[in-house]
Each structure stands twice: as C-alpha cells, then as structure tokens.
Amino acid sequence: MSFARLATATPSSRIGLGLAAVGRPGYINLGRAEDLPADRTVSAMRERAHQLLDAAYAQGVRYLDVARSYGRSEEFLAEWLDHRADVRDVVVGSKWGYTYTADWQADAEVHEVKDHSVQTYDRQVAESRSLLGKRLDLYQIHSVTPDSPALTDTVLHGRLAALAAEGVLIGLSTSGPEQAAAIRAALTVTVDGEPLFRSVQATYNLLEPSAGEALAEAHDAGCTVIVKEGMANGRLAGRPTDEAASTVLHRVAEEADTTSDAVALAAVLHHPWADLVLSGAATADQLTSNLQAASVALTPAQHARLTTLAEPARTYWHHRSELPWS
C-alpha cells in the first residue's frame, strides 16, 4: 500500500480527517460543548461521524484516521465504508496501544489506558481487523515516547513485520515533549535489515514545533509524515481567548482573507515534509473551514510572525495535560 496516490488525488488530499472528536462522547478539544449537541448517544455520534465522512469525501479528503482508543471510531468508519461501496480510493489508518475505558461516559475518571505490550497488540490488531478487514492500510503504535518498550521489543517487531508482509504499512504516533527522540529512535528499528516503521504521526503546530527537524529526517528516510493536533486541541481554532496566539492568527487570517484555523493548518502544510495534516473537525462547518488551508498561501513575513507563537515543548505539553475532557 502506498500513500503516493494521495499526492495528486484532489486539492485537499494533503488534509486527512481524524475521528477522535466524534468517535467517543468525551475528548479534550476546547469548545467541545459548543461543537457537539447534548445528545451524545452512540447513535447520535454515529450519525455525526457519518455526516463528517460524507462531507470530507465530497470535498476531496482521502486519508481517514481512527484508533482503538477513539471509542467506536473504527466501528463508525467500517459502517460508513460498508454503506459507501463506491468509495474505494481512501487510505485508512488506525492505531493500537491504548484501550478505551470510559464506557461511553464523557466524565469518566480514566478514558484510556496505555500498554504497548505484545499481548495488547495481539488483542487489538484482531479487533481492528475484525472491523476494518482489508481496508486497514496503516497500523500505528499509539503515542510512542522514548521509553516505550515498543521501540526495543523484538518479539513485537516480528509481529509488526508479519503484518507488513500482509500489505499493511507499519507506523507509529508520538506524543510528549521528547517526540524528536522517539522519532529518531524509531528510524533505527529494523527487522531483517529493513526499516520497520514506514510512517510517523506526530503533534506539530505553531505552539509546539519541536519535532520539526526529526519529522524532516523521517520524511527524508522515506517515511510518510502525518501531522496531528495542528490546531493544538482547539487553542489555534480562532475562538475568543486571552491568548496572544488568537490575536496574531486573527490578523494574519484577515490579511489572507481566510479563517484562523485555516492559517494554523496552512502553516503546517507549508513544510514539504508534512505529507498529511489531520483535521480533527467535529462539525461539517469546521471541516470546510479547515480545508481552506489547502489553498492558503502565506507570505514569508506572515510565517515569521506566526513562528513567534512557539512555546517551550514542556510548557506546551504541561498545558495540554491540564485540558479538561468534555
């Protein structure tokens, strides 16, 4: 399986849709109460997910991203694919390594539990494939950090290589202030002399750009680079806040005749190593606004102003850890 066809498929093909925000009732995006109705039953969220998938596909999005820990996101996507027999040109990525534990409660004490063991992989890959079957193109280890056993467990590497031999691309996502170290460690992992990881998904945005150089290295090494959290869990979505970022984004958006969220995503798309940038939209209107990023051309001066928004990585991740689930 190759991502190559996405490069020329549609103008929006460098923007993917992640279903984290609509696969479960609780998430950590700011403004979530405004975005989603009070009815967050399974049926209501299923309908919302399917509406978003319809809107995304109609507007040229061809990469779809889910995970075992995103509630019922794999299930919702699988149902949509089953009902859209005409849709054969999307690329589907999922992730394993976290188990969803919130029991469909937005205010659960614990929403997900991380475990990168072989046992968890064996269970979760079976669950993912039971839903997505041969539509699973990319399987990623979820939120790898430098101390993750997934980077050194040779038994796990053998399991992943066997999945790769069946045609599924193997990747990882990263999180935390040491993303760059995790990415560089992953690039050294081989099985039978061949690189194991062919895709890297990482948090990168105007507030948290610390993984940029490592992502460029991954791209140069032949990995597909997927950027998540390009709007910093809603902090760069243009909502009224007291953050300096809102003022800078608003002014650049006015100059570019677009929206703040489109500017935030366009700044990421500007990097040639960013093969795909995820929209985490919860509404069709948000998605349409996000997709404007594909046609936004920022000037060097505007880019320079936007780079001033960067925070120290540890400051950013500490702030993120305090965002409420809602």
C-alpha atoms as a PDB file:
ATOM      1  CA  MET A   1       0.000   0.000   0.000  1.00  0.00           C
ATOM      2  CA  SER A   2       1.276   3.451  -0.866  1.00  0.00           C
ATOM      3  CA  PHE A   3       0.230   6.973   0.001  1.00  0.00           C
ATOM      4  CA  ALA A   4       1.578   8.136  -3.359  1.00  0.00           C
ATOM      5  CA  ARG A   5      -1.841   8.378  -4.986  1.00  0.00           C
ATOM      6  CA  LEU A   6      -2.942  10.946  -2.402  1.00  0.00           C
ATOM      7  CA  ALA A   7      -0.423  13.477  -3.689  1.00  0.00           C
ATOM      8  CA  THR A   8      -2.415  14.105  -6.861  1.00  0.00           C
ATOM      9  CA  ALA A   9      -5.854  12.792  -5.985  1.00  0.00           C
ATOM     10  CA  THR A  10      -7.546  16.077  -5.040  1.00  0.00           C
ATOM     11  CA  PRO A  11      -6.586  19.604  -3.934  1.00  0.00           C
ATOM     12  CA  SER A  12      -7.480  18.588  -0.381  1.00  0.00           C
ATOM     13  CA  SER A  13      -5.642  15.283  -0.442  1.00  0.00           C
ATOM     14  CA  ARG A  14      -2.881  16.518   1.903  1.00  0.00           C
ATOM     15  CA  ILE A  15      -5.537  17.011   4.600  1.00  0.00           C
ATOM     16  CA  GLY A  16      -6.912  13.956   6.348  1.00  0.00           C
ATOM     17  CA  LEU A  17      -9.833  13.512   8.729  1.00  0.00           C
ATOM     18  CA  GLY A  18      -9.257  12.145  12.223  1.00  0.00           C
ATOM     19  CA  LEU A  19     -12.271  10.777  14.087  1.00  0.00           C
ATOM     20  CA  ALA A  20     -11.009  11.241  17.653  1.00  0.00           C
ATOM     21  CA  ALA A  21     -13.505  14.039  18.298  1.00  0.00           C
ATOM     22  CA  VAL A  22     -16.570  12.136  17.088  1.00  0.00           C
ATOM     23  CA  GLY A  23     -15.728   8.532  17.932  1.00  0.00           C
ATOM     24  CA  ARG A  24     -16.462   8.943  21.640  1.00  0.00           C
ATOM     25  CA  PRO A  25     -18.511  11.369  23.750  1.00  0.00           C
ATOM     26  CA  GLY A  26     -15.562  12.865  25.651  1.00  0.00           C
ATOM     27  CA  TYR A  27     -12.407  14.471  24.274  1.00  0.00           C
ATOM     28  CA  ILE A  28     -10.054  17.335  25.159  1.00  0.00           C
ATOM     29  CA  ASN A  29     -10.762  19.829  22.373  1.00  0.00           C
ATOM     30  CA  LEU A  30     -11.635  23.306  23.607  1.00  0.00           C
ATOM     31  CA  GLY A  31     -15.167  24.474  22.832  1.00  0.00           C
ATOM     32  CA  ARG A  32     -16.455  20.930  22.601  1.00  0.00           C
ATOM     33  CA  ALA A  33     -19.720  21.794  24.354  1.00  0.00           C
ATOM     34  CA  GLU A  34     -20.464  24.263  21.565  1.00  0.00           C
ATOM     35  CA  ASP A  35     -19.494  21.840  18.816  1.00  0.00           C
ATOM     36  CA  LEU A  36     -21.498  18.804  19.865  1.00  0.00           C
ATOM     37  CA  PRO A  37     -25.130  18.518  20.979  1.00  0.00           C
ATOM     38  CA  ALA A  38     -26.099  17.302  24.420  1.00  0.00           C
ATOM     39  CA  ASP A  39     -27.232  14.050  22.831  1.00  0.00           C
ATOM     40  CA  ARG A  40     -24.021  12.084  22.606  1.00  0.00           C
ATOM     41  CA  THR A  41     -25.544   8.645  22.495  1.00  0.00           C
ATOM     42  CA  VAL A  42     -23.880   6.045  20.317  1.00  0.00           C
ATOM     43  CA  SER A  43     -26.488   6.541  17.602  1.00  0.00           C
ATOM     44  CA  ALA A  44     -26.101  10.338  17.631  1.00  0.00           C
ATOM     45  CA  MET A  45     -22.315  10.157  17.455  1.00  0.00           C
ATOM     46  CA  ARG A  46     -22.504   7.550  14.717  1.00  0.00           C
ATOM     47  CA  GLU A  47     -24.681   9.881  12.665  1.00  0.00           C
ATOM     48  CA  ARG A  48     -22.287  12.797  13.280  1.00  0.00           C
ATOM     49  CA  ALA A  49     -19.288  10.692  12.232  1.00  0.00           C
ATOM     50  CA  HIS A  50     -21.005   9.523   9.047  1.00  0.00           C
ATOM     51  CA  GLN A  51     -22.028  13.091   8.159  1.00  0.00           C
ATOM     52  CA  LEU A  52     -18.436  14.231   8.588  1.00  0.00           C
ATOM     53  CA  LEU A  53     -17.124  11.357   6.496  1.00  0.00           C
ATOM     54  CA  ASP A  54     -19.600  12.180   3.719  1.00  0.00           C
ATOM     55  CA  ALA A  55     -18.592  15.853   3.812  1.00  0.00           C
ATOM     56  CA  ALA A  56     -14.888  15.024   3.879  1.00  0.00           C
ATOM     57  CA  TYR A  57     -15.053  12.655   0.946  1.00  0.00           C
ATOM     58  CA  ALA A  58     -17.167  15.059  -1.099  1.00  0.00           C
ATOM     59  CA  GLN A  59     -14.534  17.764  -0.570  1.00  0.00           C
ATOM     60  CA  GLY A  60     -11.584  15.634  -1.582  1.00  0.00           C
ATOM     61  CA  VAL A  61     -10.296  14.172   1.686  1.00  0.00           C
ATOM     62  CA  ARG A  62      -8.873  10.711   1.104  1.00  0.00           C
ATOM     63  CA  TYR A  63      -6.984   9.818   4.309  1.00  0.00           C
ATOM     64  CA  LEU A  64      -9.097   8.720   7.298  1.00  0.00           C
ATOM     65  CA  ASP A  65      -7.585   8.236  10.765  1.00  0.00           C
ATOM     66  CA  VAL A  66      -9.012   6.259  13.704  1.00  0.00           C
ATOM     67  CA  ALA A  67      -7.725   4.325  16.725  1.00  0.00           C
ATOM     68  CA  ARG A  68      -8.733   1.582  19.121  1.00  0.00           C
ATOM     69  CA  SER A  69      -8.954   4.170  21.906  1.00  0.00           C
ATOM     70  CA  TYR A  70     -11.186   6.575  19.970  1.00  0.00           C
ATOM     71  CA  GLY A  71     -14.312   4.930  21.340  1.00  0.00           C
ATOM     72  CA  ARG A  72     -16.226   3.479  18.399  1.00  0.00           C
ATOM     73  CA  SER A  73     -14.345   5.317  15.671  1.00  0.00           C
ATOM     74  CA  GLU A  74     -13.247   2.134  13.881  1.00  0.00           C
ATOM     75  CA  GLU A  75     -16.787   0.806  14.055  1.00  0.00           C
ATOM     76  CA  PHE A  76     -18.282   4.044  12.702  1.00  0.00           C
ATOM     77  CA  LEU A  77     -15.754   4.153   9.877  1.00  0.00           C
ATOM     78  CA  ALA A  78     -16.267   0.496   8.999  1.00  0.00           C
ATOM     79  CA  GLU A  79     -20.030   1.030   8.813  1.00  0.00           C
ATOM     80  CA  TRP A  80     -19.572   4.059   6.581  1.00  0.00           C
ATOM     81  CA  LEU A  81     -17.260   2.137   4.257  1.00  0.00           C
ATOM     82  CA  ASP A  82     -19.762  -0.724   4.080  1.00  0.00           C
ATOM     83  CA  HIS A  83     -22.541   1.680   3.094  1.00  0.00           C
ATOM     84  CA  ARG A  84     -20.365   3.531   0.586  1.00  0.00           C
ATOM     85  CA  ALA A  85     -19.406   0.741  -1.758  1.00  0.00           C
ATOM     86  CA  ASP A  86     -18.409   3.385  -4.309  1.00  0.00           C
ATOM     87  CA  VAL A  87     -15.609   4.617  -2.030  1.00  0.00           C
ATOM     88  CA  ARG A  88     -12.516   2.657  -2.976  1.00  0.00           C
ATOM     89  CA  ASP A  89      -9.831   5.327  -3.098  1.00  0.00           C
ATOM     90  CA  VAL A  90      -9.430   6.243   0.572  1.00  0.00           C
ATOM     91  CA  VAL A  91      -6.473   5.282   2.741  1.00  0.00           C
ATOM     92  CA  VAL A  92      -7.407   4.083   6.235  1.00  0.00           C
ATOM     93  CA  GLY A  93      -5.068   4.343   9.203  1.00  0.00           C
ATOM     94  CA  SER A  94      -5.695   3.127  12.736  1.00  0.00           C
ATOM     95  CA  LYS A  95      -3.685   2.905  15.934  1.00  0.00           C
ATOM     96  CA  TRP A  96      -3.234   0.428  18.744  1.00  0.00           C
ATOM     97  CA  GLY A  97      -1.641   0.726  22.187  1.00  0.00           C
ATOM     98  CA  TYR A  98      -4.380   2.457  24.170  1.00  0.00           C
ATOM     99  CA  THR A  99      -7.520   0.718  25.410  1.00  0.00           C
ATOM    100  CA  TYR A 100     -10.684   2.808  25.647  1.00  0.00           C
ATOM    101  CA  THR A 101     -12.000   2.545  29.217  1.00  0.00           C
ATOM    102  CA  ALA A 102     -14.561   5.361  29.562  1.00  0.00           C
ATOM    103  CA  ASP A 103     -17.606   3.153  28.886  1.00  0.00           C
ATOM    104  CA  TRP A 104     -19.132   5.945  26.770  1.00  0.00           C
ATOM    105  CA  GLN A 105     -19.027   8.442  29.635  1.00  0.00           C
ATOM    106  CA  ALA A 106     -17.732  11.958  28.885  1.00  0.00           C
ATOM    107  CA  ASP A 107     -16.861  12.490  32.562  1.00  0.00           C
ATOM    108  CA  ALA A 108     -15.121   9.171  33.184  1.00  0.00           C
ATOM    109  CA  GLU A 109     -12.253   9.238  35.650  1.00  0.00           C
ATOM    110  CA  VAL A 110      -9.995   7.340  33.199  1.00  0.00           C
ATOM    111  CA  HIS A 111     -10.661   7.490  29.458  1.00  0.00           C
ATOM    112  CA  GLU A 112      -7.886   5.274  28.120  1.00  0.00           C
ATOM    113  CA  VAL A 113      -5.080   3.038  29.347  1.00  0.00           C
ATOM    114  CA  LYS A 114      -1.751   2.773  27.538  1.00  0.00           C
ATOM    115  CA  ASP A 115       0.029  -0.558  27.037  1.00  0.00           C
ATOM    116  CA  HIS A 116       2.494  -1.321  24.239  1.00  0.00           C
ATOM    117  CA  SER A 117       2.906  -4.999  25.076  1.00  0.00           C
ATOM    118  CA  VAL A 118       2.736  -7.848  22.573  1.00  0.00           C
ATOM    119  CA  GLN A 119      -0.377  -9.106  24.328  1.00  0.00           C
ATOM    120  CA  THR A 120      -2.177  -5.802  23.765  1.00  0.00           C
ATOM    121  CA  TYR A 121      -1.061  -5.741  20.142  1.00  0.00           C
ATOM    122  CA  ASP A 122      -2.347  -9.281  19.539  1.00  0.00           C
ATOM    123  CA  ARG A 123      -5.736  -8.390  21.005  1.00  0.00           C
ATOM    124  CA  GLN A 124      -6.116  -5.026  19.348  1.00  0.00           C
ATOM    125  CA  VAL A 125      -4.935  -5.954  15.872  1.00  0.00           C
ATOM    126  CA  ALA A 126      -7.566  -8.704  15.881  1.00  0.00           C
ATOM    127  CA  GLU A 127     -10.191  -6.161  16.961  1.00  0.00           C
ATOM    128  CA  SER A 128      -9.150  -3.649  14.306  1.00  0.00           C
ATOM    129  CA  ARG A 129      -9.096  -6.203  11.517  1.00  0.00           C
ATOM    130  CA  SER A 130     -12.439  -7.670  12.565  1.00  0.00           C
ATOM    131  CA  LEU A 131     -13.954  -4.243  11.852  1.00  0.00           C
ATOM    132  CA  LEU A 132     -11.832  -2.898   9.015  1.00  0.00           C
ATOM    133  CA  GLY A 133     -10.645  -6.080   7.378  1.00  0.00           C
ATOM    134  CA  LYS A 134      -8.607  -5.463   4.250  1.00  0.00           C
ATOM    135  CA  ARG A 135      -9.472  -1.763   4.357  1.00  0.00           C
ATOM    136  CA  LEU A 136      -6.817  -1.303   7.058  1.00  0.00           C
ATOM    137  CA  ASP A 137      -3.890   0.257   5.181  1.00  0.00           C
ATOM    138  CA  LEU A 138      -1.798   1.690   8.029  1.00  0.00           C
ATOM    139  CA  TYR A 139      -1.453   0.413  11.603  1.00  0.00           C
ATOM    140  CA  GLN A 140       0.382   2.648  14.069  1.00  0.00           C
ATOM    141  CA  ILE A 141       1.647   2.239  17.609  1.00  0.00           C
ATOM    142  CA  HIS A 142      -0.214   4.910  19.560  1.00  0.00           C
ATOM    143  CA  SER A 143       1.725   7.674  21.370  1.00  0.00           C
ATOM    144  CA  VAL A 144       5.240   6.295  21.479  1.00  0.00           C
ATOM    145  CA  THR A 145       7.674   8.054  23.817  1.00  0.00           C
ATOM    146  CA  PRO A 146      11.436   7.397  24.089  1.00  0.00           C
ATOM    147  CA  ASP A 147      10.915   4.992  26.994  1.00  0.00           C
ATOM    148  CA  SER A 148       8.260   2.912  25.227  1.00  0.00           C
ATOM    149  CA  PRO A 149       9.048  -0.820  25.143  1.00  0.00           C
ATOM    150  CA  ALA A 150       7.674  -0.795  21.595  1.00  0.00           C
ATOM    151  CA  LEU A 151      10.994   0.641  20.440  1.00  0.00           C
ATOM    152  CA  THR A 152      13.036  -2.285  21.776  1.00  0.00           C
ATOM    153  CA  ASP A 153      10.682  -5.311  21.909  1.00  0.00           C
ATOM    154  CA  THR A 154      11.974  -7.589  19.162  1.00  0.00           C
ATOM    155  CA  VAL A 155       9.076 -10.018  19.558  1.00  0.00           C
ATOM    156  CA  LEU A 156       6.668  -7.162  18.896  1.00  0.00           C
ATOM    157  CA  HIS A 157       8.790  -6.050  15.956  1.00  0.00           C
ATOM    158  CA  GLY A 158       8.449  -9.526  14.488  1.00  0.00           C
ATOM    159  CA  ARG A 159       4.671  -9.376  14.860  1.00  0.00           C
ATOM    160  CA  LEU A 160       4.559  -5.980  13.150  1.00  0.00           C
ATOM    161  CA  ALA A 161       6.829  -7.168  10.345  1.00  0.00           C
ATOM    162  CA  ALA A 162       4.487 -10.100   9.742  1.00  0.00           C
ATOM    163  CA  LEU A 163       1.590  -7.651   9.407  1.00  0.00           C
ATOM    164  CA  ALA A 164       3.670  -5.581   6.997  1.00  0.00           C
ATOM    165  CA  ALA A 165       4.249  -8.704   4.909  1.00  0.00           C
ATOM    166  CA  GLU A 166       0.484  -8.902   4.507  1.00  0.00           C
ATOM    167  CA  GLY A 167       0.466  -5.429   2.944  1.00  0.00           C
ATOM    168  CA  VAL A 168      -0.294  -3.221   5.943  1.00  0.00           C
ATOM    169  CA  LEU A 169       2.025  -0.244   6.399  1.00  0.00           C
ATOM    170  CA  ILE A 170       3.537  -0.071   9.902  1.00  0.00           C
ATOM    171  CA  GLY A 171       3.834   3.291  11.631  1.00  0.00           C
ATOM    172  CA  LEU A 172       3.850   4.996  14.993  1.00  0.00           C
ATOM    173  CA  SER A 173       2.468   8.147  16.523  1.00  0.00           C
ATOM    174  CA  THR A 174       4.354  10.167  19.120  1.00  0.00           C
ATOM    175  CA  SER A 175       3.451  12.487  21.957  1.00  0.00           C
ATOM    176  CA  GLY A 176       5.098  14.421  24.763  1.00  0.00           C
ATOM    177  CA  PRO A 177       7.996  16.869  24.911  1.00  0.00           C
ATOM    178  CA  GLU A 178      10.524  14.327  23.614  1.00  0.00           C
ATOM    179  CA  GLN A 179       8.823  13.464  20.339  1.00  0.00           C
ATOM    180  CA  ALA A 180      12.003  14.108  18.368  1.00  0.00           C
ATOM    181  CA  ALA A 181      13.928  11.498  20.363  1.00  0.00           C
ATOM    182  CA  ALA A 182      11.160   8.930  19.884  1.00  0.00           C
ATOM    183  CA  ILE A 183      11.055   9.568  16.121  1.00  0.00           C
ATOM    184  CA  ARG A 184      14.823   9.235  15.758  1.00  0.00           C
ATOM    185  CA  ALA A 185      14.839   6.028  17.809  1.00  0.00           C
ATOM    186  CA  ALA A 186      12.078   4.590  15.635  1.00  0.00           C
ATOM    187  CA  LEU A 187      14.067   5.297  12.472  1.00  0.00           C
ATOM    188  CA  THR A 188      16.798   2.923  13.710  1.00  0.00           C
ATOM    189  CA  VAL A 189      14.461  -0.054  14.228  1.00  0.00           C
ATOM    190  CA  THR A 190      14.927  -2.749  11.624  1.00  0.00           C
ATOM    191  CA  VAL A 191      13.720  -6.294  11.020  1.00  0.00           C
ATOM    192  CA  ASP A 192      15.886  -8.486   8.801  1.00  0.00           C
ATOM    193  CA  GLY A 193      17.843  -5.412   7.816  1.00  0.00           C
ATOM    194  CA  GLU A 194      14.788  -3.441   6.652  1.00  0.00           C
ATOM    195  CA  PRO A 195      13.290  -0.381   8.403  1.00  0.00           C
ATOM    196  CA  LEU A 196      10.151  -1.394  10.302  1.00  0.00           C
ATOM    197  CA  PHE A 197       8.386   1.942  10.505  1.00  0.00           C
ATOM    198  CA  ARG A 198       7.248   3.499   7.249  1.00  0.00           C
ATOM    199  CA  SER A 199       5.037   6.207   8.692  1.00  0.00           C
ATOM    200  CA  VAL A 200       5.319   8.695  11.552  1.00  0.00           C
ATOM    201  CA  GLN A 201       2.431  10.664  13.033  1.00  0.00           C
ATOM    202  CA  ALA A 202       3.348  13.461  15.434  1.00  0.00           C
ATOM    203  CA  THR A 203       1.974  16.565  17.101  1.00  0.00           C
ATOM    204  CA  TYR A 204       3.251  19.658  15.331  1.00  0.00           C
ATOM    205  CA  ASN A 205       1.685  23.099  15.364  1.00  0.00           C
ATOM    206  CA  LEU A 206       2.516  26.777  15.747  1.00  0.00           C
ATOM    207  CA  LEU A 207       2.695  26.400  19.525  1.00  0.00           C
ATOM    208  CA  GLU A 208       4.644  23.103  19.535  1.00  0.00           C
ATOM    209  CA  PRO A 209       7.107  22.855  16.617  1.00  0.00           C
ATOM    210  CA  SER A 210       9.864  20.960  18.461  1.00  0.00           C
ATOM    211  CA  ALA A 211       9.553  17.770  16.384  1.00  0.00           C
ATOM    212  CA  GLY A 212      10.040  19.571  13.074  1.00  0.00           C
ATOM    213  CA  GLU A 213      13.654  18.623  12.367  1.00  0.00           C
ATOM    214  CA  ALA A 214      13.074  14.978  13.302  1.00  0.00           C
ATOM    215  CA  LEU A 215       9.997  14.844  11.078  1.00  0.00           C
ATOM    216  CA  ALA A 216      12.047  16.223   8.198  1.00  0.00           C
ATOM    217  CA  GLU A 217      14.588  13.450   8.843  1.00  0.00           C
ATOM    218  CA  ALA A 218      11.809  10.843   8.849  1.00  0.00           C
ATOM    219  CA  HIS A 219      10.493  12.196   5.556  1.00  0.00           C
ATOM    220  CA  ASP A 220      13.985  12.095   4.037  1.00  0.00           C
ATOM    221  CA  ALA A 221      14.302   8.487   5.228  1.00  0.00           C
ATOM    222  CA  GLY A 222      11.225   7.563   3.191  1.00  0.00           C
ATOM    223  CA  CYS A 223       8.546   7.701   5.887  1.00  0.00           C
ATOM    224  CA  THR A 224       5.132   9.216   5.280  1.00  0.00           C
ATOM    225  CA  VAL A 225       4.758  12.038   7.808  1.00  0.00           C
ATOM    226  CA  ILE A 226       1.302  12.695   9.260  1.00  0.00           C
ATOM    227  CA  VAL A 227       0.774  15.750  11.468  1.00  0.00           C
ATOM    228  CA  LYS A 228      -1.835  15.586  14.214  1.00  0.00           C
ATOM    229  CA  GLU A 229      -3.145  18.290  16.540  1.00  0.00           C
ATOM    230  CA  GLY A 230      -2.314  21.034  14.066  1.00  0.00           C
ATOM    231  CA  MET A 231      -4.699  23.304  15.945  1.00  0.00           C
ATOM    232  CA  ALA A 232      -3.391  22.379  19.387  1.00  0.00           C
ATOM    233  CA  ASN A 233      -6.630  20.845  20.668  1.00  0.00           C
ATOM    234  CA  GLY A 234      -8.564  23.973  19.740  1.00  0.00           C
ATOM    235  CA  ARG A 235      -6.123  26.562  21.062  1.00  0.00           C
ATOM    236  CA  LEU A 236      -5.479  27.689  17.467  1.00  0.00           C
ATOM    237  CA  ALA A 237      -9.075  27.446  16.266  1.00  0.00           C
ATOM    238  CA  GLY A 238      -9.762  31.173  16.476  1.00  0.00           C
ATOM    239  CA  ARG A 239     -12.072  31.006  19.476  1.00  0.00           C
ATOM    240  CA  PRO A 240     -12.220  34.058  21.771  1.00  0.00           C
ATOM    241  CA  THR A 241      -9.457  33.601  24.342  1.00  0.00           C
ATOM    242  CA  ASP A 242      -6.913  35.761  26.083  1.00  0.00           C
ATOM    243  CA  GLU A 243      -4.018  34.040  24.301  1.00  0.00           C
ATOM    244  CA  ALA A 244      -1.670  36.132  22.190  1.00  0.00           C
ATOM    245  CA  ALA A 245      -1.946  33.420  19.552  1.00  0.00           C
ATOM    246  CA  SER A 246      -5.525  34.411  18.825  1.00  0.00           C
ATOM    247  CA  THR A 247      -4.531  37.993  18.036  1.00  0.00           C
ATOM    248  CA  VAL A 248      -1.686  37.026  15.709  1.00  0.00           C
ATOM    249  CA  LEU A 249      -3.753  34.359  13.953  1.00  0.00           C
ATOM    250  CA  HIS A 250      -6.705  36.697  13.542  1.00  0.00           C
ATOM    251  CA  ARG A 251      -4.577  39.400  11.966  1.00  0.00           C
ATOM    252  CA  VAL A 252      -2.851  37.026   9.562  1.00  0.00           C
ATOM    253  CA  ALA A 253      -6.207  35.458   8.688  1.00  0.00           C
ATOM    254  CA  GLU A 254      -7.633  38.883   7.880  1.00  0.00           C
ATOM    255  CA  GLU A 255      -4.667  39.629   5.637  1.00  0.00           C
ATOM    256  CA  ALA A 256      -5.031  36.284   3.866  1.00  0.00           C
ATOM    257  CA  ASP A 257      -8.830  36.597   3.650  1.00  0.00           C
ATOM    258  CA  THR A 258      -9.379  33.291   5.407  1.00  0.00           C
ATOM    259  CA  THR A 259     -10.025  31.854   8.870  1.00  0.00           C
ATOM    260  CA  SER A 260      -7.679  31.427  11.823  1.00  0.00           C
ATOM    261  CA  ASP A 261      -7.912  27.640  11.743  1.00  0.00           C
ATOM    262  CA  ALA A 262      -7.042  27.615   8.036  1.00  0.00           C
ATOM    263  CA  VAL A 263      -3.971  29.764   8.766  1.00  0.00           C
ATOM    264  CA  ALA A 264      -2.859  27.394  11.545  1.00  0.00           C
ATOM    265  CA  LEU A 265      -3.117  24.368   9.261  1.00  0.00           C
ATOM    266  CA  ALA A 266      -1.644  26.181   6.248  1.00  0.00           C
ATOM    267  CA  ALA A 267       1.432  26.992   8.332  1.00  0.00           C
ATOM    268  CA  VAL A 268       1.944  23.248   8.819  1.00  0.00           C
ATOM    269  CA  LEU A 269       1.189  22.374   5.189  1.00  0.00           C
ATOM    270  CA  HIS A 270       3.883  24.859   4.213  1.00  0.00           C
ATOM    271  CA  HIS A 271       6.547  22.346   5.262  1.00  0.00           C
ATOM    272  CA  PRO A 272       7.461  19.983   2.413  1.00  0.00           C
ATOM    273  CA  TRP A 273       7.961  17.130   4.873  1.00  0.00           C
ATOM    274  CA  ALA A 274       4.317  17.308   6.033  1.00  0.00           C
ATOM    275  CA  ASP A 275       2.754  14.714   3.749  1.00  0.00           C
ATOM    276  CA  LEU A 276      -0.614  14.745   5.526  1.00  0.00           C
ATOM    277  CA  VAL A 277      -2.132  17.111   8.080  1.00  0.00           C
ATOM    278  CA  LEU A 278      -5.153  15.957  10.048  1.00  0.00           C
ATOM    279  CA  SER A 279      -8.339  17.883  10.608  1.00  0.00           C
ATOM    280  CA  GLY A 280      -9.974  16.903  13.868  1.00  0.00           C
ATOM    281  CA  ALA A 281     -13.221  18.659  12.999  1.00  0.00           C
ATOM    282  CA  ALA A 282     -16.353  17.872  14.982  1.00  0.00           C
ATOM    283  CA  THR A 283     -18.747  19.626  12.593  1.00  0.00           C
ATOM    284  CA  ALA A 284     -19.073  19.869   8.822  1.00  0.00           C
ATOM    285  CA  ASP A 285     -18.617  23.649   9.001  1.00  0.00           C
ATOM    286  CA  GLN A 286     -15.350  23.229  10.888  1.00  0.00           C
ATOM    287  CA  LEU A 287     -14.173  20.734   8.309  1.00  0.00           C
ATOM    288  CA  THR A 288     -14.958  23.067   5.411  1.00  0.00           C
ATOM    289  CA  SER A 289     -13.109  25.872   7.181  1.00  0.00           C
ATOM    290  CA  ASN A 290     -10.102  23.614   7.873  1.00  0.00           C
ATOM    291  CA  LEU A 291      -9.939  22.571   4.218  1.00  0.00           C
ATOM    292  CA  GLN A 292      -9.408  26.162   3.146  1.00  0.00           C
ATOM    293  CA  ALA A 293      -5.843  25.664   4.370  1.00  0.00           C
ATOM    294  CA  ALA A 294      -5.041  23.780   1.163  1.00  0.00           C
ATOM    295  CA  SER A 295      -5.382  26.985  -0.853  1.00  0.00           C
ATOM    296  CA  VAL A 296      -3.872  29.498   1.608  1.00  0.00           C
ATOM    297  CA  ALA A 297      -0.503  30.921   0.546  1.00  0.00           C
ATOM    298  CA  LEU A 298       1.212  32.685   3.431  1.00  0.00           C
ATOM    299  CA  THR A 299       3.978  35.192   2.814  1.00  0.00           C
ATOM    300  CA  PRO A 300       7.447  34.809   4.381  1.00  0.00           C
ATOM    301  CA  ALA A 301       6.664  37.761   6.637  1.00  0.00           C
ATOM    302  CA  GLN A 302       3.451  36.120   7.823  1.00  0.00           C
ATOM    303  CA  HIS A 303       5.280  32.870   8.507  1.00  0.00           C
ATOM    304  CA  ALA A 304       7.859  34.780  10.521  1.00  0.00           C
ATOM    305  CA  ARG A 305       5.148  36.358  12.681  1.00  0.00           C
ATOM    306  CA  LEU A 306       3.488  33.007  13.235  1.00  0.00           C
ATOM    307  CA  THR A 307       6.726  31.360  14.387  1.00  0.00           C
ATOM    308  CA  THR A 308       6.812  33.752  17.352  1.00  0.00           C
ATOM    309  CA  LEU A 309       3.914  31.800  18.861  1.00  0.00           C
ATOM    310  CA  ALA A 310       6.062  28.765  19.691  1.00  0.00           C
ATOM    311  CA  GLU A 311       6.229  27.682  23.324  1.00  0.00           C
ATOM    312  CA  PRO A 312       8.860  25.550  25.063  1.00  0.00           C
ATOM    313  CA  ALA A 313       7.857  21.939  24.480  1.00  0.00           C
ATOM    314  CA  ARG A 314       7.476  21.115  28.169  1.00  0.00           C
ATOM    315  CA  THR A 315       5.307  24.182  28.708  1.00  0.00           C
ATOM    316  CA  TYR A 316       3.062  23.157  25.843  1.00  0.00           C
ATOM    317  CA  TRP A 317       2.652  19.564  26.996  1.00  0.00           C
ATOM    318  CA  HIS A 318       2.032  20.622  30.592  1.00  0.00           C
ATOM    319  CA  HIS A 319      -0.748  22.918  29.360  1.00  0.00           C
ATOM    320  CA  ARG A 320      -2.175  20.113  27.245  1.00  0.00           C
ATOM    321  CA  SER A 321      -2.199  17.710  30.198  1.00  0.00           C
ATOM    322  CA  GLU A 322      -4.423  20.149  32.091  1.00  0.00           C
ATOM    323  CA  LEU A 323      -7.060  20.498  29.360  1.00  0.00           C
ATOM    324  CA  PRO A 324     -10.356  19.019  30.557  1.00  0.00           C
ATOM    325  CA  TRP A 325     -12.168  16.139  28.907  1.00  0.00           C
ATOM    326  CA  SER A 326     -15.630  17.315  27.905  1.00  0.00           C
END
